[in-house]
Amino acid sequence: MAREHRISQNFLRSPRIALMLVGHSNVRKRDFTLDIGAGSGVFTYALSKKSAQVLAIEFDRETFKKLQNNTKNLENVEVLCADFLRFNLSKLPKNYKVCANIPFHLSSPIIQKLTVAQNSPKSIYLILQKQFARKLIVSDKNFTSALGVKTFPFFESKIKKPLQKSDFTPPPAVETVFFEMKRRETPLIPLEEQPEFNNFIDKMFSTSDFYKQNCGLKFRTKKPSELKGKDWIEIWQFNKNSDKIE
């Protein structure tokens, strides 16, 4: 499906591929699911077969018309023409799940919105660029992004399945993966500390002096992107207990 360049998205080639991916998720028949950037409805169709209710959000008006037409006979699907980044997630049922093939250039703001929302999803499954996805996993095996660190105390993340370029139309120029984020039953830091923690992590990644002042001697020889998840929890607890956070 042709789309304006500003809406960068590679669509799944067939419902069969979407059904296979949903099969790799924890979406179940009782679940309410959200499809972001639904396109013509390939993922929406798969979710309609695997969950109780689906809300499919599509921003592009011409694409939305095709989404409407393709889902008009699916009784458990609601479609909405809207900008997801302006959508109020509090309208959704508690413990909803997300399964979507989102525009790559909006991956970061979409994940940020989902993970800091007061009504955050129980599970998130997204098609992402592999390089971006790896930076969301906080480990010593690869460099980590600030976003990966910010989500770590609240969500467990992993790559579920690598995808083939032939799975999409048009084929993407980069490697892609099916990525899972599952909300922790017990966060590693109190949920009410999340806004302050996120601000702290942004400063730690953006300002070298702030990082050196607050990381402690133990981690001073490493870059923020090289630390493990448990290292960040230790740094946060130390700074909270010593009232060092500005």
Foldseek 3Di string as FASTA:
>chain_A
DDDDPVFAFWAFPALVVLLVLVVLPPQAAAAEEEEEQCFLNSNVVSSLVGYPAYEYEHADPVRQVNNCVVCVPRPRYDYYHDDVLPDQPVVDDAQHEYAYEGRAVCVLSVLVCQQLHPRHHQKYKYKYFPVQLVQLAFDQPFFHDLNSLLNVQFWHKDFRAWDDLVRTVVRDPGTITIMMIGTDPHGLDDSVCSVVLSVLSVCLQPPVVSVCVQLDPVCNVDHPRNHGNVSSSVSVVVCVVVVVRD
